[in-house]
Amino acid sequence: MVATVRPKSETDLLLKMWERQRLTVPVAEAFLKLAFSEGELARVSELRAKNSAGTITTEELAEYDAFVRVSLMVSILHSRARIVLKATKPKAER
């Protein structure tokens, strides 16, 4: 019987998939371009303020949570992409 470890979060799932793939330079460069729009950043700020003030609704809290989870995943993608790009540069350029 093969034991499997159940992922705890979306991020765990993403990292498990990541470990099975070799990231190419063009894909790493594309990952570094992932970012929220100005409108999305404004919405996150609004939701953060409401959350801090204790006036956030259940729906808004779910939206805020989604932004936080996606932000974490994008941060991980950015970090992994930078590692790949650094490793592919000649030693003189590092």
PDB file of N, CA and C in Angstrom:
ATOM      1  N   MET A   1       0.842  -1.168   0.000  1.00  0.00           N
ATOM      2  CA  MET A   1       0.000   0.000   0.000  1.00  0.00           C
ATOM      3  C   MET A   1       0.900   1.247   0.000  1.00  0.00           C
ATOM      4  N   VAL A   2       0.564   2.215  -0.836  1.00  0.00           N
ATOM      5  CA  VAL A   2       1.321   3.451  -0.922  1.00  0.00           C
ATOM      6  C   VAL A   2       0.656   4.498  -0.048  1.00  0.00           C
ATOM      7  N   ALA A   3       1.449   5.076   0.840  1.00  0.00           N
ATOM      8  CA  ALA A   3       0.909   6.128   1.707  1.00  0.00           C
ATOM      9  C   ALA A   3       0.935   7.448   0.948  1.00  0.00           C
ATOM     10  N   THR A   4      -0.140   8.188   1.052  1.00  0.00           N
ATOM     11  CA  THR A   4      -0.192   9.503   0.427  1.00  0.00           C
ATOM     12  C   THR A   4      -0.410  10.547   1.496  1.00  0.00           C
ATOM     13  N   VAL A   5       0.197  11.704   1.281  1.00  0.00           N
ATOM     14  CA  VAL A   5       0.025  12.813   2.197  1.00  0.00           C
ATOM     15  C   VAL A   5      -1.000  13.754   1.582  1.00  0.00           C
ATOM     16  N   ARG A   6      -2.024  14.059   2.318  1.00  0.00           N
ATOM     17  CA  ARG A   6      -3.059  14.961   1.808  1.00  0.00           C
ATOM     18  C   ARG A   6      -2.590  16.399   1.943  1.00  0.00           C
ATOM     19  N   PRO A   7      -2.730  17.179   0.869  1.00  0.00           N
ATOM     20  CA  PRO A   7      -2.343  18.588   0.947  1.00  0.00           C
ATOM     21  C   PRO A   7      -3.249  19.340   1.917  1.00  0.00           C
ATOM     22  N   LYS A   8      -2.677  20.352   2.565  1.00  0.00           N
ATOM     23  CA  LYS A   8      -3.427  21.118   3.545  1.00  0.00           C
ATOM     24  C   LYS A   8      -4.098  22.337   2.928  1.00  0.00           C
ATOM     25  N   SER A   9      -3.602  22.787   1.788  1.00  0.00           N
ATOM     26  CA  SER A   9      -4.134  24.019   1.214  1.00  0.00           C
ATOM     27  C   SER A   9      -3.911  24.041  -0.291  1.00  0.00           C
ATOM     28  N   GLU A  10      -4.448  25.072  -0.924  1.00  0.00           N
ATOM     29  CA  GLU A  10      -4.216  25.273  -2.358  1.00  0.00           C
ATOM     30  C   GLU A  10      -2.727  25.448  -2.631  1.00  0.00           C
ATOM     31  N   THR A  11      -2.050  26.126  -1.724  1.00  0.00           N
ATOM     32  CA  THR A  11      -0.614  26.360  -1.881  1.00  0.00           C
ATOM     33  C   THR A  11       0.152  25.046  -1.842  1.00  0.00           C
ATOM     34  N   ASP A  12      -0.220  24.150  -0.934  1.00  0.00           N
ATOM     35  CA  ASP A  12       0.424  22.837  -0.880  1.00  0.00           C
ATOM     36  C   ASP A  12       0.240  22.082  -2.187  1.00  0.00           C
ATOM     37  N   LEU A  13      -0.969  22.141  -2.752  1.00  0.00           N
ATOM     38  CA  LEU A  13      -1.225  21.493  -4.040  1.00  0.00           C
ATOM     39  C   LEU A  13      -0.343  22.081  -5.135  1.00  0.00           C
ATOM     40  N   LEU A  14      -0.259  23.395  -5.173  1.00  0.00           N
ATOM     41  CA  LEU A  14       0.557  24.072  -6.178  1.00  0.00           C
ATOM     42  C   LEU A  14       2.025  23.658  -6.050  1.00  0.00           C
ATOM     43  N   LEU A  15       2.532  23.626  -4.837  1.00  0.00           N
ATOM     44  CA  LEU A  15       3.933  23.254  -4.637  1.00  0.00           C
ATOM     45  C   LEU A  15       4.189  21.795  -5.020  1.00  0.00           C
ATOM     46  N   LYS A  16       3.231  20.913  -4.753  1.00  0.00           N
ATOM     47  CA  LYS A  16       3.394  19.513  -5.156  1.00  0.00           C
ATOM     48  C   LYS A  16       3.473  19.407  -6.683  1.00  0.00           C
ATOM     49  N   MET A  17       2.621  20.161  -7.381  1.00  0.00           N
ATOM     50  CA  MET A  17       2.657  20.152  -8.847  1.00  0.00           C
ATOM     51  C   MET A  17       3.975  20.737  -9.335  1.00  0.00           C
ATOM     52  N   TRP A  18       4.409  21.808  -8.697  1.00  0.00           N
ATOM     53  CA  TRP A  18       5.642  22.490  -9.080  1.00  0.00           C
ATOM     54  C   TRP A  18       6.840  21.539  -9.024  1.00  0.00           C
ATOM     55  N   GLU A  19       6.903  20.736  -7.973  1.00  0.00           N
ATOM     56  CA  GLU A  19       8.026  19.833  -7.762  1.00  0.00           C
ATOM     57  C   GLU A  19       8.136  18.785  -8.868  1.00  0.00           C
ATOM     58  N   ARG A  20       7.048  18.522  -9.570  1.00  0.00           N
ATOM     59  CA  ARG A  20       7.066  17.517 -10.644  1.00  0.00           C
ATOM     60  C   ARG A  20       7.491  18.105 -11.985  1.00  0.00           C
ATOM     61  N   GLN A  21       7.609  19.410 -12.077  1.00  0.00           N
ATOM     62  CA  GLN A  21       7.898  20.065 -13.353  1.00  0.00           C
ATOM     63  C   GLN A  21       9.237  20.802 -13.300  1.00  0.00           C
ATOM     64  N   ARG A  22       9.815  20.975 -14.469  1.00  0.00           N
ATOM     65  CA  ARG A  22      11.016  21.796 -14.586  1.00  0.00           C
ATOM     66  C   ARG A  22      10.587  23.110 -15.217  1.00  0.00           C
ATOM     67  N   LEU A  23      10.824  24.180 -14.525  1.00  0.00           N
ATOM     68  CA  LEU A  23      10.405  25.495 -14.979  1.00  0.00           C
ATOM     69  C   LEU A  23      11.400  26.033 -15.998  1.00  0.00           C
ATOM     70  N   THR A  24      10.899  26.439 -17.147  1.00  0.00           N
ATOM     71  CA  THR A  24      11.752  27.014 -18.177  1.00  0.00           C
ATOM     72  C   THR A  24      11.902  28.515 -17.945  1.00  0.00           C
ATOM     73  N   VAL A  25      12.922  29.097 -18.545  1.00  0.00           N
ATOM     74  CA  VAL A  25      13.169  30.531 -18.405  1.00  0.00           C
ATOM     75  C   VAL A  25      11.977  31.355 -18.901  1.00  0.00           C
ATOM     76  N   PRO A  26      11.418  31.069 -20.091  1.00  0.00           N
ATOM     77  CA  PRO A  26      10.268  31.871 -20.528  1.00  0.00           C
ATOM     78  C   PRO A  26       9.073  31.786 -19.572  1.00  0.00           C
ATOM     79  N   VAL A  27       8.835  30.614 -19.002  1.00  0.00           N
ATOM     80  CA  VAL A  27       7.720  30.477 -18.059  1.00  0.00           C
ATOM     81  C   VAL A  27       8.034  31.236 -16.775  1.00  0.00           C
ATOM     82  N   ALA A  28       9.264  31.153 -16.296  1.00  0.00           N
ATOM     83  CA  ALA A  28       9.666  31.897 -15.102  1.00  0.00           C
ATOM     84  C   ALA A  28       9.492  33.394 -15.323  1.00  0.00           C
ATOM     85  N   GLU A  29       9.890  33.873 -16.482  1.00  0.00           N
ATOM     86  CA  GLU A  29       9.731  35.299 -16.799  1.00  0.00           C
ATOM     87  C   GLU A  29       8.253  35.690 -16.845  1.00  0.00           C
ATOM     88  N   ALA A  30       7.422  34.804 -17.371  1.00  0.00           N
ATOM     89  CA  ALA A  30       5.982  35.077 -17.418  1.00  0.00           C
ATOM     90  C   ALA A  30       5.399  35.112 -16.005  1.00  0.00           C
ATOM     91  N   PHE A  31       5.830  34.200 -15.143  1.00  0.00           N
ATOM     92  CA  PHE A  31       5.344  34.194 -13.765  1.00  0.00           C
ATOM     93  C   PHE A  31       5.647  35.513 -13.070  1.00  0.00           C
ATOM     94  N   LEU A  32       6.813  36.088 -13.348  1.00  0.00           N
ATOM     95  CA  LEU A  32       7.192  37.344 -12.698  1.00  0.00           C
ATOM     96  C   LEU A  32       6.322  38.516 -13.143  1.00  0.00           C
ATOM     97  N   LYS A  33       5.585  38.348 -14.212  1.00  0.00           N
ATOM     98  CA  LYS A  33       4.683  39.401 -14.685  1.00  0.00           C
ATOM     99  C   LYS A  33       3.305  39.316 -14.038  1.00  0.00           C
ATOM    100  N   LEU A  34       3.034  38.232 -13.310  1.00  0.00           N
ATOM    101  CA  LEU A  34       1.732  38.085 -12.645  1.00  0.00           C
ATOM    102  C   LEU A  34       1.619  39.125 -11.543  1.00  0.00           C
ATOM    103  N   ALA A  35       0.548  39.899 -11.578  1.00  0.00           N
ATOM    104  CA  ALA A  35       0.321  40.922 -10.558  1.00  0.00           C
ATOM    105  C   ALA A  35      -1.151  41.328 -10.561  1.00  0.00           C
ATOM    106  N   PHE A  36      -1.609  41.806  -9.427  1.00  0.00           N
ATOM    107  CA  PHE A  36      -2.956  42.346  -9.351  1.00  0.00           C
ATOM    108  C   PHE A  36      -3.003  43.681 -10.085  1.00  0.00           C
ATOM    109  N   SER A  37      -4.164  44.006 -10.636  1.00  0.00           N
ATOM    110  CA  SER A  37      -4.362  45.304 -11.287  1.00  0.00           C
ATOM    111  C   SER A  37      -4.499  46.389 -10.217  1.00  0.00           C
ATOM    112  N   GLU A  38      -4.435  47.627 -10.642  1.00  0.00           N
ATOM    113  CA  GLU A  38      -4.616  48.745  -9.705  1.00  0.00           C
ATOM    114  C   GLU A  38      -5.984  48.664  -9.031  1.00  0.00           C
ATOM    115  N   GLY A  39      -7.003  48.312  -9.798  1.00  0.00           N
ATOM    116  CA  GLY A  39      -8.350  48.177  -9.242  1.00  0.00           C
ATOM    117  C   GLY A  39      -8.431  47.078  -8.192  1.00  0.00           C
ATOM    118  N   GLU A  40      -7.763  45.968  -8.468  1.00  0.00           N
ATOM    119  CA  GLU A  40      -7.753  44.862  -7.505  1.00  0.00           C
ATOM    120  C   GLU A  40      -7.007  45.257  -6.232  1.00  0.00           C
ATOM    121  N   LEU A  41      -5.890  45.969  -6.392  1.00  0.00           N
ATOM    122  CA  LEU A  41      -5.134  46.422  -5.221  1.00  0.00           C
ATOM    123  C   LEU A  41      -5.964  47.393  -4.378  1.00  0.00           C
ATOM    124  N   ALA A  42      -6.726  48.262  -5.054  1.00  0.00           N
ATOM    125  CA  ALA A  42      -7.604  49.187  -4.332  1.00  0.00           C
ATOM    126  C   ALA A  42      -8.672  48.411  -3.569  1.00  0.00           C
ATOM    127  N   ARG A  43      -9.205  47.371  -4.191  1.00  0.00           N
ATOM    128  CA  ARG A  43     -10.235  46.558  -3.529  1.00  0.00           C
ATOM    129  C   ARG A  43      -9.650  45.842  -2.313  1.00  0.00           C
ATOM    130  N   VAL A  44      -8.439  45.322  -2.425  1.00  0.00           N
ATOM    131  CA  VAL A  44      -7.791  44.664  -1.290  1.00  0.00           C
ATOM    132  C   VAL A  44      -7.622  45.659  -0.141  1.00  0.00           C
ATOM    133  N   SER A  45      -7.202  46.871  -0.462  1.00  0.00           N
ATOM    134  CA  SER A  45      -7.041  47.897   0.579  1.00  0.00           C
ATOM    135  C   SER A  45      -8.364  48.202   1.269  1.00  0.00           C
ATOM    136  N   GLU A  46      -9.413  48.295   0.472  1.00  0.00           N
ATOM    137  CA  GLU A  46     -10.752  48.547   1.023  1.00  0.00           C
ATOM    138  C   GLU A  46     -11.180  47.406   1.947  1.00  0.00           C
ATOM    139  N   LEU A  47     -10.977  46.175   1.491  1.00  0.00           N
ATOM    140  CA  LEU A  47     -11.360  45.017   2.289  1.00  0.00           C
ATOM    141  C   LEU A  47     -10.512  44.912   3.555  1.00  0.00           C
ATOM    142  N   ARG A  48      -9.223  45.217   3.438  1.00  0.00           N
ATOM    143  CA  ARG A  48      -8.338  45.181   4.606  1.00  0.00           C
ATOM    144  C   ARG A  48      -8.803  46.196   5.661  1.00  0.00           C
ATOM    145  N   ALA A  49      -9.169  47.394   5.211  1.00  0.00           N
ATOM    146  CA  ALA A  49      -9.649  48.428   6.131  1.00  0.00           C
ATOM    147  C   ALA A  49     -10.942  47.992   6.816  1.00  0.00           C
ATOM    148  N   LYS A  50     -11.854  47.422   6.052  1.00  0.00           N
ATOM    149  CA  LYS A  50     -13.115  46.947   6.632  1.00  0.00           C
ATOM    150  C   LYS A  50     -12.862  45.819   7.633  1.00  0.00           C
ATOM    151  N   ASN A  51     -11.926  44.936   7.292  1.00  0.00           N
ATOM    152  CA  ASN A  51     -11.605  43.835   8.190  1.00  0.00           C
ATOM    153  C   ASN A  51     -11.010  44.367   9.492  1.00  0.00           C
ATOM    154  N   SER A  52     -10.101  45.315   9.386  1.00  0.00           N
ATOM    155  CA  SER A  52      -9.487  45.902  10.584  1.00  0.00           C
ATOM    156  C   SER A  52     -10.506  46.635  11.448  1.00  0.00           C
ATOM    157  N   ALA A  53     -11.476  47.260  10.802  1.00  0.00           N
ATOM    158  CA  ALA A  53     -12.506  48.004  11.524  1.00  0.00           C
ATOM    159  C   ALA A  53     -13.613  47.101  12.068  1.00  0.00           C
ATOM    160  N   GLY A  54     -13.617  45.850  11.632  1.00  0.00           N
ATOM    161  CA  GLY A  54     -14.647  44.929  12.088  1.00  0.00           C
ATOM    162  C   GLY A  54     -15.982  45.127  11.396  1.00  0.00           C
ATOM    163  N   THR A  55     -15.960  45.766  10.225  1.00  0.00           N
ATOM    164  CA  THR A  55     -17.208  46.037   9.497  1.00  0.00           C
ATOM    165  C   THR A  55     -17.345  45.216   8.217  1.00  0.00           C
ATOM    166  N   ILE A  56     -16.490  44.244   8.043  1.00  0.00           N
ATOM    167  CA  ILE A  56     -16.501  43.430   6.821  1.00  0.00           C
ATOM    168  C   ILE A  56     -17.659  42.435   6.868  1.00  0.00           C
ATOM    169  N   THR A  57     -18.319  42.251   5.734  1.00  0.00           N
ATOM    170  CA  THR A  57     -19.416  41.272   5.654  1.00  0.00           C
ATOM    171  C   THR A  57     -18.839  39.885   5.400  1.00  0.00           C
ATOM    172  N   THR A  58     -19.674  38.883   5.523  1.00  0.00           N
ATOM    173  CA  THR A  58     -19.246  37.501   5.268  1.00  0.00           C
ATOM    174  C   THR A  58     -18.771  37.341   3.823  1.00  0.00           C
ATOM    175  N   GLU A  59     -19.500  37.923   2.889  1.00  0.00           N
ATOM    176  CA  GLU A  59     -19.121  37.833   1.467  1.00  0.00           C
ATOM    177  C   GLU A  59     -17.799  38.551   1.213  1.00  0.00           C
ATOM    178  N   GLU A  60     -17.647  39.713   1.827  1.00  0.00           N
ATOM    179  CA  GLU A  60     -16.401  40.465   1.650  1.00  0.00           C
ATOM    180  C   GLU A  60     -15.219  39.731   2.277  1.00  0.00           C
ATOM    181  N   LEU A  61     -15.447  39.085   3.401  1.00  0.00           N
ATOM    182  CA  LEU A  61     -14.387  38.323   4.046  1.00  0.00           C
ATOM    183  C   LEU A  61     -13.939  37.160   3.164  1.00  0.00           C
ATOM    184  N   ALA A  62     -14.884  36.507   2.507  1.00  0.00           N
ATOM    185  CA  ALA A  62     -14.541  35.423   1.576  1.00  0.00           C
ATOM    186  C   ALA A  62     -13.730  35.972   0.401  1.00  0.00           C
ATOM    187  N   GLU A  63     -14.124  37.142  -0.095  1.00  0.00           N
ATOM    188  CA  GLU A  63     -13.382  37.779  -1.194  1.00  0.00           C
ATOM    189  C   GLU A  63     -11.969  38.153  -0.739  1.00  0.00           C
ATOM    190  N   TYR A  64     -11.863  38.735   0.448  1.00  0.00           N
ATOM    191  CA  TYR A  64     -10.566  39.126   1.001  1.00  0.00           C
ATOM    192  C   TYR A  64      -9.678  37.898   1.177  1.00  0.00           C
ATOM    193  N   ASP A  65     -10.257  36.823   1.698  1.00  0.00           N
ATOM    194  CA  ASP A  65      -9.513  35.578   1.889  1.00  0.00           C
ATOM    195  C   ASP A  65      -8.987  35.049   0.559  1.00  0.00           C
ATOM    196  N   ALA A  66      -9.797  35.142  -0.488  1.00  0.00           N
ATOM    197  CA  ALA A  66      -9.356  34.696  -1.816  1.00  0.00           C
ATOM    198  C   ALA A  66      -8.174  35.536  -2.297  1.00  0.00           C
ATOM    199  N   PHE A  67      -8.239  36.843  -2.105  1.00  0.00           N
ATOM    200  CA  PHE A  67      -7.119  37.705  -2.477  1.00  0.00           C
ATOM    201  C   PHE A  67      -5.849  37.310  -1.722  1.00  0.00           C
ATOM    202  N   VAL A  68      -5.990  37.046  -0.440  1.00  0.00           N
ATOM    203  CA  VAL A  68      -4.830  36.678   0.377  1.00  0.00           C
ATOM    204  C   VAL A  68      -4.230  35.365  -0.096  1.00  0.00           C
ATOM    205  N   ARG A  69      -5.080  34.360  -0.368  1.00  0.00           N
ATOM    206  CA  ARG A  69      -4.581  33.057  -0.826  1.00  0.00           C
ATOM    207  C   ARG A  69      -3.883  33.174  -2.182  1.00  0.00           C
ATOM    208  N   VAL A  70      -4.488  33.914  -3.104  1.00  0.00           N
ATOM    209  CA  VAL A  70      -3.874  34.086  -4.428  1.00  0.00           C
ATOM    210  C   VAL A  70      -2.566  34.863  -4.303  1.00  0.00           C
ATOM    211  N   SER A  71      -2.553  35.872  -3.461  1.00  0.00           N
ATOM    212  CA  SER A  71      -1.334  36.648  -3.252  1.00  0.00           C
ATOM    213  C   SER A  71      -0.202  35.761  -2.740  1.00  0.00           C
ATOM    214  N   LEU A  72      -0.517  34.870  -1.827  1.00  0.00           N
ATOM    215  CA  LEU A  72       0.490  33.940  -1.310  1.00  0.00           C
ATOM    216  C   LEU A  72       1.016  33.037  -2.423  1.00  0.00           C
ATOM    217  N   MET A  73       0.104  32.499  -3.227  1.00  0.00           N
ATOM    218  CA  MET A  73       0.529  31.616  -4.323  1.00  0.00           C
ATOM    219  C   MET A  73       1.391  32.364  -5.333  1.00  0.00           C
ATOM    220  N   VAL A  74       1.013  33.584  -5.667  1.00  0.00           N
ATOM    221  CA  VAL A  74       1.791  34.377  -6.624  1.00  0.00           C
ATOM    222  C   VAL A  74       3.167  34.696  -6.040  1.00  0.00           C
ATOM    223  N   SER A  75       3.231  34.988  -4.758  1.00  0.00           N
ATOM    224  CA  SER A  75       4.523  35.251  -4.113  1.00  0.00           C
ATOM    225  C   SER A  75       5.436  34.035  -4.206  1.00  0.00           C
ATOM    226  N   ILE A  76       4.864  32.864  -4.006  1.00  0.00           N
ATOM    227  CA  ILE A  76       5.649  31.629  -4.118  1.00  0.00           C
ATOM    228  C   ILE A  76       6.113  31.428  -5.556  1.00  0.00           C
ATOM    229  N   LEU A  77       5.225  31.645  -6.518  1.00  0.00           N
ATOM    230  CA  LEU A  77       5.613  31.522  -7.929  1.00  0.00           C
ATOM    231  C   LEU A  77       6.735  32.498  -8.267  1.00  0.00           C
ATOM    232  N   HIS A  78       6.616  33.733  -7.795  1.00  0.00           N
ATOM    233  CA  HIS A  78       7.663  34.735  -8.044  1.00  0.00           C
ATOM    234  C   HIS A  78       8.994  34.279  -7.450  1.00  0.00           C
ATOM    235  N   SER A  79       8.959  33.790  -6.238  1.00  0.00           N
ATOM    236  CA  SER A  79      10.178  33.339  -5.576  1.00  0.00           C
ATOM    237  C   SER A  79      10.832  32.189  -6.335  1.00  0.00           C
ATOM    238  N   ARG A  80      10.031  31.206  -6.702  1.00  0.00           N
ATOM    239  CA  ARG A  80      10.574  30.059  -7.446  1.00  0.00           C
ATOM    240  C   ARG A  80      11.095  30.491  -8.818  1.00  0.00           C
ATOM    241  N   ALA A  81      10.400  31.409  -9.451  1.00  0.00           N
ATOM    242  CA  ALA A  81      10.842  31.895 -10.765  1.00  0.00           C
ATOM    243  C   ALA A  81      12.180  32.614 -10.648  1.00  0.00           C
ATOM    244  N   ARG A  82      12.341  33.427  -9.612  1.00  0.00           N
ATOM    245  CA  ARG A  82      13.620  34.126  -9.419  1.00  0.00           C
ATOM    246  C   ARG A  82      14.757  33.143  -9.199  1.00  0.00           C
ATOM    247  N   ILE A  83      14.488  32.077  -8.471  1.00  0.00           N
ATOM    248  CA  ILE A  83      15.515  31.043  -8.235  1.00  0.00           C
ATOM    249  C   ILE A  83      15.938  30.418  -9.557  1.00  0.00           C
ATOM    250  N   VAL A  84      14.963  30.087 -10.405  1.00  0.00           N
ATOM    251  CA  VAL A  84      15.271  29.491 -11.711  1.00  0.00           C
ATOM    252  C   VAL A  84      16.084  30.461 -12.562  1.00  0.00           C
ATOM    253  N   LEU A  85      15.667  31.709 -12.604  1.00  0.00           N
ATOM    254  CA  LEU A  85      16.359  32.693 -13.435  1.00  0.00           C
ATOM    255  C   LEU A  85      17.770  32.947 -12.934  1.00  0.00           C
ATOM    256  N   LYS A  86      17.950  32.982 -11.620  1.00  0.00           N
ATOM    257  CA  LYS A  86      19.286  33.176 -11.061  1.00  0.00           C
ATOM    258  C   LYS A  86      20.188  31.993 -11.396  1.00  0.00           C
ATOM    259  N   ALA A  87      19.636  30.794 -11.331  1.00  0.00           N
ATOM    260  CA  ALA A  87      20.415  29.576 -11.603  1.00  0.00           C
ATOM    261  C   ALA A  87      20.812  29.474 -13.078  1.00  0.00           C
ATOM    262  N   THR A  88      20.063  30.115 -13.958  1.00  0.00           N
ATOM    263  CA  THR A  88      20.366  29.984 -15.385  1.00  0.00           C
ATOM    264  C   THR A  88      21.316  31.079 -15.879  1.00  0.00           C
ATOM    265  N   LYS A  89      21.568  32.091 -15.033  1.00  0.00           N
ATOM    266  CA  LYS A  89      22.501  33.144 -15.439  1.00  0.00           C
ATOM    267  C   LYS A  89      23.937  32.640 -15.319  1.00  0.00           C
ATOM    268  N   PRO A  90      24.813  33.078 -16.219  1.00  0.00           N
ATOM    269  CA  PRO A  90      26.223  32.736 -16.054  1.00  0.00           C
ATOM    270  C   PRO A  90      26.754  33.281 -14.721  1.00  0.00           C
ATOM    271  N   LYS A  91      27.731  32.614 -14.138  1.00  0.00           N
ATOM    272  CA  LYS A  91      28.241  32.998 -12.819  1.00  0.00           C
ATOM    273  C   LYS A  91      28.720  34.453 -12.785  1.00  0.00           C
ATOM    274  N   ALA A  92      29.254  34.958 -13.876  1.00  0.00           N
ATOM    275  CA  ALA A  92      29.749  36.332 -13.902  1.00  0.00           C
ATOM    276  C   ALA A  92      28.628  37.353 -13.742  1.00  0.00           C
ATOM    277  N   GLU A  93      27.412  36.991 -14.115  1.00  0.00           N
ATOM    278  CA  GLU A  93      26.274  37.925 -14.044  1.00  0.00           C
ATOM    279  C   GLU A  93      25.539  37.843 -12.719  1.00  0.00           C
ATOM    280  N   ARG A  94      25.800  36.856 -11.882  1.00  0.00           N
ATOM    281  CA  ARG A  94      25.072  36.682 -10.614  1.00  0.00           C
ATOM    282  C   ARG A  94      25.476  37.681  -9.587  1.00  0.00           C
TER     283      ARG A  94
END
